[in-house]
């Protein structure tokens, strides 16, 4: 019965931990961007006169921080088109078609990380409370395991 109580406490703690993780993931983004071909492109203030070939479009939009796959954007709605820019490699920049037909330059920043476990670790690095919660969760698991083993050995004597 005691082990069941300990397991219940541990599950409740993990549930609270999950809620805290979820709320941390729903912060606002730091800057507007699009993701194309697994890279993040930050939206600049510069407009492009000559967009070249269509290379893709936004497949998922969200203004809440999280991990998304595909051609994701936190600024442009699903369906917004991406274009190459005449005379500039897509390794440097792309153009994003705005609703009024203008093309906004987006500058390639870094590879977009879709690994959720890595993103949780990044959050732990930037949020000291996340590290405390991870350590507290690990301590709770160790404590429950220790108490369970201790009671099992005491019964065998």
C-alpha atoms as a PDB file:
ATOM      1  CA  UNK A   1       0.000   0.000   0.000  1.00  0.00           C
ATOM      2  CA  UNK A   2       2.862   2.339   0.851  1.00  0.00           C
ATOM      3  CA  UNK A   3       4.476   1.692  -2.541  1.00  0.00           C
ATOM      4  CA  UNK A   4       1.181   2.535  -4.264  1.00  0.00           C
ATOM      5  CA  UNK A   5       1.040   5.818  -2.356  1.00  0.00           C
ATOM      6  CA  UNK A   6       4.624   6.635  -3.349  1.00  0.00           C
ATOM      7  CA  UNK A   7       3.926   5.812  -6.988  1.00  0.00           C
ATOM      8  CA  UNK A   8       0.828   8.052  -6.884  1.00  0.00           C
ATOM      9  CA  UNK A   9       2.876  10.919  -5.465  1.00  0.00           C
ATOM     10  CA  UNK A  10       5.533  10.386  -8.130  1.00  0.00           C
ATOM     11  CA  UNK A  11       2.937  10.358 -10.933  1.00  0.00           C
ATOM     12  CA  UNK A  12       1.334  13.526  -9.571  1.00  0.00           C
ATOM     13  CA  UNK A  13       4.764  15.177  -9.501  1.00  0.00           C
ATOM     14  CA  UNK A  14       5.458  14.131 -13.085  1.00  0.00           C
ATOM     15  CA  UNK A  15       2.049  15.489 -14.118  1.00  0.00           C
ATOM     16  CA  UNK A  16       2.832  18.869 -12.549  1.00  0.00           C
ATOM     17  CA  UNK A  17       6.270  18.793 -14.185  1.00  0.00           C
ATOM     18  CA  UNK A  18       4.644  18.138 -17.589  1.00  0.00           C
ATOM     19  CA  UNK A  19       2.258  21.062 -17.099  1.00  0.00           C
ATOM     20  CA  UNK A  20       5.168  23.334 -16.253  1.00  0.00           C
ATOM     21  CA  UNK A  21       7.072  22.125 -19.326  1.00  0.00           C
ATOM     22  CA  UNK A  22       4.045  22.754 -21.514  1.00  0.00           C
ATOM     23  CA  UNK A  23       3.530  26.270 -20.196  1.00  0.00           C
ATOM     24  CA  UNK A  24       7.215  27.081 -20.745  1.00  0.00           C
ATOM     25  CA  UNK A  25       6.885  25.988 -24.372  1.00  0.00           C
ATOM     26  CA  UNK A  26       4.042  28.447 -25.008  1.00  0.00           C
ATOM     27  CA  UNK A  27       6.040  31.636 -24.697  1.00  0.00           C
ATOM     28  CA  UNK A  28       6.130  34.217 -27.467  1.00  0.00           C
ATOM     29  CA  UNK A  29       8.858  33.974 -30.108  1.00  0.00           C
ATOM     30  CA  UNK A  30      11.826  36.338 -29.865  1.00  0.00           C
ATOM     31  CA  UNK A  31      11.724  37.446 -33.529  1.00  0.00           C
ATOM     32  CA  UNK A  32       9.695  36.769 -36.706  1.00  0.00           C
ATOM     33  CA  UNK A  33      10.973  33.988 -38.974  1.00  0.00           C
ATOM     34  CA  UNK A  34      10.157  31.285 -41.495  1.00  0.00           C
ATOM     35  CA  UNK A  35      11.592  27.790 -41.788  1.00  0.00           C
ATOM     36  CA  UNK A  36      12.457  26.442 -45.215  1.00  0.00           C
ATOM     37  CA  UNK A  37      14.454  23.340 -46.092  1.00  0.00           C
ATOM     38  CA  UNK A  38      15.274  22.761 -42.379  1.00  0.00           C
ATOM     39  CA  UNK A  39      16.777  26.249 -41.881  1.00  0.00           C
ATOM     40  CA  UNK A  40      15.498  29.292 -40.006  1.00  0.00           C
ATOM     41  CA  UNK A  41      15.316  32.540 -41.966  1.00  0.00           C
ATOM     42  CA  UNK A  42      14.757  35.730 -39.949  1.00  0.00           C
ATOM     43  CA  UNK A  43      12.435  38.280 -41.522  1.00  0.00           C
ATOM     44  CA  UNK A  44      14.263  41.500 -42.358  1.00  0.00           C
ATOM     45  CA  UNK A  45      12.874  44.993 -42.955  1.00  0.00           C
ATOM     46  CA  UNK A  46      14.219  44.875 -46.514  1.00  0.00           C
ATOM     47  CA  UNK A  47      11.961  44.272 -49.524  1.00  0.00           C
ATOM     48  CA  UNK A  48      13.074  42.478 -52.692  1.00  0.00           C
ATOM     49  CA  UNK A  49      12.379  43.832 -56.185  1.00  0.00           C
ATOM     50  CA  UNK A  50      13.016  40.622 -58.135  1.00  0.00           C
ATOM     51  CA  UNK A  51      11.716  37.366 -56.687  1.00  0.00           C
ATOM     52  CA  UNK A  52      12.774  34.436 -58.850  1.00  0.00           C
ATOM     53  CA  UNK A  53      11.303  30.902 -58.625  1.00  0.00           C
ATOM     54  CA  UNK A  54       8.741  29.682 -56.114  1.00  0.00           C
ATOM     55  CA  UNK A  55      10.537  27.274 -53.764  1.00  0.00           C
ATOM     56  CA  UNK A  56       7.881  26.441 -51.170  1.00  0.00           C
ATOM     57  CA  UNK A  57       5.221  27.765 -48.828  1.00  0.00           C
ATOM     58  CA  UNK A  58       4.279  27.908 -45.152  1.00  0.00           C
ATOM     59  CA  UNK A  59       2.800  24.570 -44.076  1.00  0.00           C
ATOM     60  CA  UNK A  60       2.260  25.440 -40.396  1.00  0.00           C
ATOM     61  CA  UNK A  61       1.771  28.736 -38.546  1.00  0.00           C
ATOM     62  CA  UNK A  62       1.883  29.431 -34.811  1.00  0.00           C
ATOM     63  CA  UNK A  63       2.583  32.557 -32.808  1.00  0.00           C
ATOM     64  CA  UNK A  64       3.334  30.438 -29.708  1.00  0.00           C
ATOM     65  CA  UNK A  65       6.812  29.061 -29.127  1.00  0.00           C
ATOM     66  CA  UNK A  66       7.131  25.320 -29.659  1.00  0.00           C
ATOM     67  CA  UNK A  67       8.612  22.694 -31.950  1.00  0.00           C
ATOM     68  CA  UNK A  68       7.009  22.303 -35.370  1.00  0.00           C
ATOM     69  CA  UNK A  69       7.933  20.431 -38.517  1.00  0.00           C
ATOM     70  CA  UNK A  70       7.830  21.425 -42.166  1.00  0.00           C
ATOM     71  CA  UNK A  71       7.938  24.941 -43.590  1.00  0.00           C
ATOM     72  CA  UNK A  72       6.909  26.627 -40.383  1.00  0.00           C
ATOM     73  CA  UNK A  73       6.432  30.333 -39.637  1.00  0.00           C
ATOM     74  CA  UNK A  74       5.620  32.406 -36.584  1.00  0.00           C
ATOM     75  CA  UNK A  75       4.807  35.435 -38.760  1.00  0.00           C
ATOM     76  CA  UNK A  76       3.082  34.265 -41.947  1.00  0.00           C
ATOM     77  CA  UNK A  77      -0.095  32.238 -42.323  1.00  0.00           C
ATOM     78  CA  UNK A  78      -0.273  28.764 -43.868  1.00  0.00           C
ATOM     79  CA  UNK A  79      -0.003  28.969 -47.666  1.00  0.00           C
ATOM     80  CA  UNK A  80       2.300  32.024 -47.780  1.00  0.00           C
ATOM     81  CA  UNK A  81       4.784  31.435 -50.633  1.00  0.00           C
ATOM     82  CA  UNK A  82       8.596  31.403 -50.526  1.00  0.00           C
ATOM     83  CA  UNK A  83      10.725  32.434 -53.507  1.00  0.00           C
ATOM     84  CA  UNK A  84      14.387  32.387 -54.403  1.00  0.00           C
ATOM     85  CA  UNK A  85      15.884  35.841 -54.961  1.00  0.00           C
ATOM     86  CA  UNK A  86      17.450  36.647 -58.321  1.00  0.00           C
ATOM     87  CA  UNK A  87      21.248  36.752 -57.909  1.00  0.00           C
ATOM     88  CA  UNK A  88      21.282  35.544 -54.252  1.00  0.00           C
ATOM     89  CA  UNK A  89      21.782  31.944 -53.140  1.00  0.00           C
ATOM     90  CA  UNK A  90      19.048  30.389 -50.959  1.00  0.00           C
ATOM     91  CA  UNK A  91      21.930  29.574 -48.571  1.00  0.00           C
ATOM     92  CA  UNK A  92      21.994  33.349 -47.878  1.00  0.00           C
ATOM     93  CA  UNK A  93      18.392  34.540 -48.165  1.00  0.00           C
ATOM     94  CA  UNK A  94      14.923  33.882 -49.593  1.00  0.00           C
ATOM     95  CA  UNK A  95      11.903  36.074 -50.336  1.00  0.00           C
ATOM     96  CA  UNK A  96       8.546  35.697 -48.598  1.00  0.00           C
ATOM     97  CA  UNK A  97       5.469  36.951 -50.442  1.00  0.00           C
ATOM     98  CA  UNK A  98       3.400  39.269 -48.287  1.00  0.00           C
ATOM     99  CA  UNK A  99      -0.402  39.530 -48.619  1.00  0.00           C
ATOM    100  CA  UNK A 100      -0.230  42.772 -50.647  1.00  0.00           C
ATOM    101  CA  UNK A 101       2.109  41.122 -53.174  1.00  0.00           C
ATOM    102  CA  UNK A 102       5.437  42.566 -52.012  1.00  0.00           C
ATOM    103  CA  UNK A 103       8.397  40.288 -51.291  1.00  0.00           C
ATOM    104  CA  UNK A 104      10.134  40.545 -47.912  1.00  0.00           C
ATOM    105  CA  UNK A 105      13.731  39.364 -47.619  1.00  0.00           C
ATOM    106  CA  UNK A 106      14.364  36.591 -45.063  1.00  0.00           C
ATOM    107  CA  UNK A 107      17.990  35.976 -44.054  1.00  0.00           C
ATOM    108  CA  UNK A 108      19.232  32.454 -43.296  1.00  0.00           C
ATOM    109  CA  UNK A 109      20.287  32.121 -39.657  1.00  0.00           C
ATOM    110  CA  UNK A 110      20.760  28.496 -38.570  1.00  0.00           C
ATOM    111  CA  UNK A 111      19.492  24.929 -38.888  1.00  0.00           C
ATOM    112  CA  UNK A 112      16.000  24.563 -37.392  1.00  0.00           C
ATOM    113  CA  UNK A 113      15.965  22.039 -34.551  1.00  0.00           C
ATOM    114  CA  UNK A 114      12.919  19.735 -34.561  1.00  0.00           C
ATOM    115  CA  UNK A 115      14.333  17.478 -31.831  1.00  0.00           C
ATOM    116  CA  UNK A 116      11.914  17.942 -28.908  1.00  0.00           C
ATOM    117  CA  UNK A 117      14.303  16.434 -26.362  1.00  0.00           C
ATOM    118  CA  UNK A 118      17.019  18.884 -27.410  1.00  0.00           C
ATOM    119  CA  UNK A 119      14.542  21.761 -27.132  1.00  0.00           C
ATOM    120  CA  UNK A 120      13.660  20.731 -23.553  1.00  0.00           C
ATOM    121  CA  UNK A 121      17.374  20.749 -22.711  1.00  0.00           C
ATOM    122  CA  UNK A 122      17.746  24.206 -24.319  1.00  0.00           C
ATOM    123  CA  UNK A 123      14.858  25.433 -22.168  1.00  0.00           C
ATOM    124  CA  UNK A 124      16.567  23.961 -19.103  1.00  0.00           C
ATOM    125  CA  UNK A 125      19.731  25.879 -20.001  1.00  0.00           C
ATOM    126  CA  UNK A 126      17.888  29.188 -20.350  1.00  0.00           C
ATOM    127  CA  UNK A 127      15.433  28.745 -17.473  1.00  0.00           C
ATOM    128  CA  UNK A 128      17.015  27.963 -14.072  1.00  0.00           C
ATOM    129  CA  UNK A 129      13.665  26.741 -12.706  1.00  0.00           C
ATOM    130  CA  UNK A 130      13.594  24.051 -15.371  1.00  0.00           C
ATOM    131  CA  UNK A 131      16.888  22.666 -14.053  1.00  0.00           C
ATOM    132  CA  UNK A 132      15.516  22.692 -10.506  1.00  0.00           C
ATOM    133  CA  UNK A 133      12.419  20.801 -11.654  1.00  0.00           C
ATOM    134  CA  UNK A 134      14.472  18.198 -13.510  1.00  0.00           C
ATOM    135  CA  UNK A 135      16.653  17.649 -10.440  1.00  0.00           C
ATOM    136  CA  UNK A 136      13.616  17.486  -8.132  1.00  0.00           C
ATOM    137  CA  UNK A 137      11.967  14.927 -10.421  1.00  0.00           C
ATOM    138  CA  UNK A 138      15.101  12.809 -10.474  1.00  0.00           C
ATOM    139  CA  UNK A 139      15.376  13.028  -6.678  1.00  0.00           C
ATOM    140  CA  UNK A 140      11.728  11.966  -6.304  1.00  0.00           C
ATOM    141  CA  UNK A 141      12.264   8.930  -8.521  1.00  0.00           C
ATOM    142  CA  UNK A 142      15.374   7.935  -6.547  1.00  0.00           C
ATOM    143  CA  UNK A 143      13.578   8.396  -3.213  1.00  0.00           C
ATOM    144  CA  UNK A 144      10.592   6.276  -4.257  1.00  0.00           C
ATOM    145  CA  UNK A 145      12.900   3.584  -5.637  1.00  0.00           C
ATOM    146  CA  UNK A 146      14.965   3.575  -2.441  1.00  0.00           C
ATOM    147  CA  UNK A 147      11.890   3.336  -0.191  1.00  0.00           C
ATOM    148  CA  UNK A 148      10.436   0.548  -2.299  1.00  0.00           C
ATOM    149  CA  UNK A 149      13.650  -1.482  -2.168  1.00  0.00           C
ATOM    150  CA  UNK A 150      14.101  -0.796   1.556  1.00  0.00           C
ATOM    151  CA  UNK A 151      10.594  -2.026   2.401  1.00  0.00           C
ATOM    152  CA  UNK A 152      11.058  -5.109   0.211  1.00  0.00           C
ATOM    153  CA  UNK A 153      14.315  -6.053   1.988  1.00  0.00           C
ATOM    154  CA  UNK A 154      12.800  -5.410   5.450  1.00  0.00           C
ATOM    155  CA  UNK A 155       9.940  -7.847   4.694  1.00  0.00           C
ATOM    156  CA  UNK A 156      12.356 -10.588   3.682  1.00  0.00           C
ATOM    157  CA  UNK A 157      14.145 -10.542   7.081  1.00  0.00           C
END
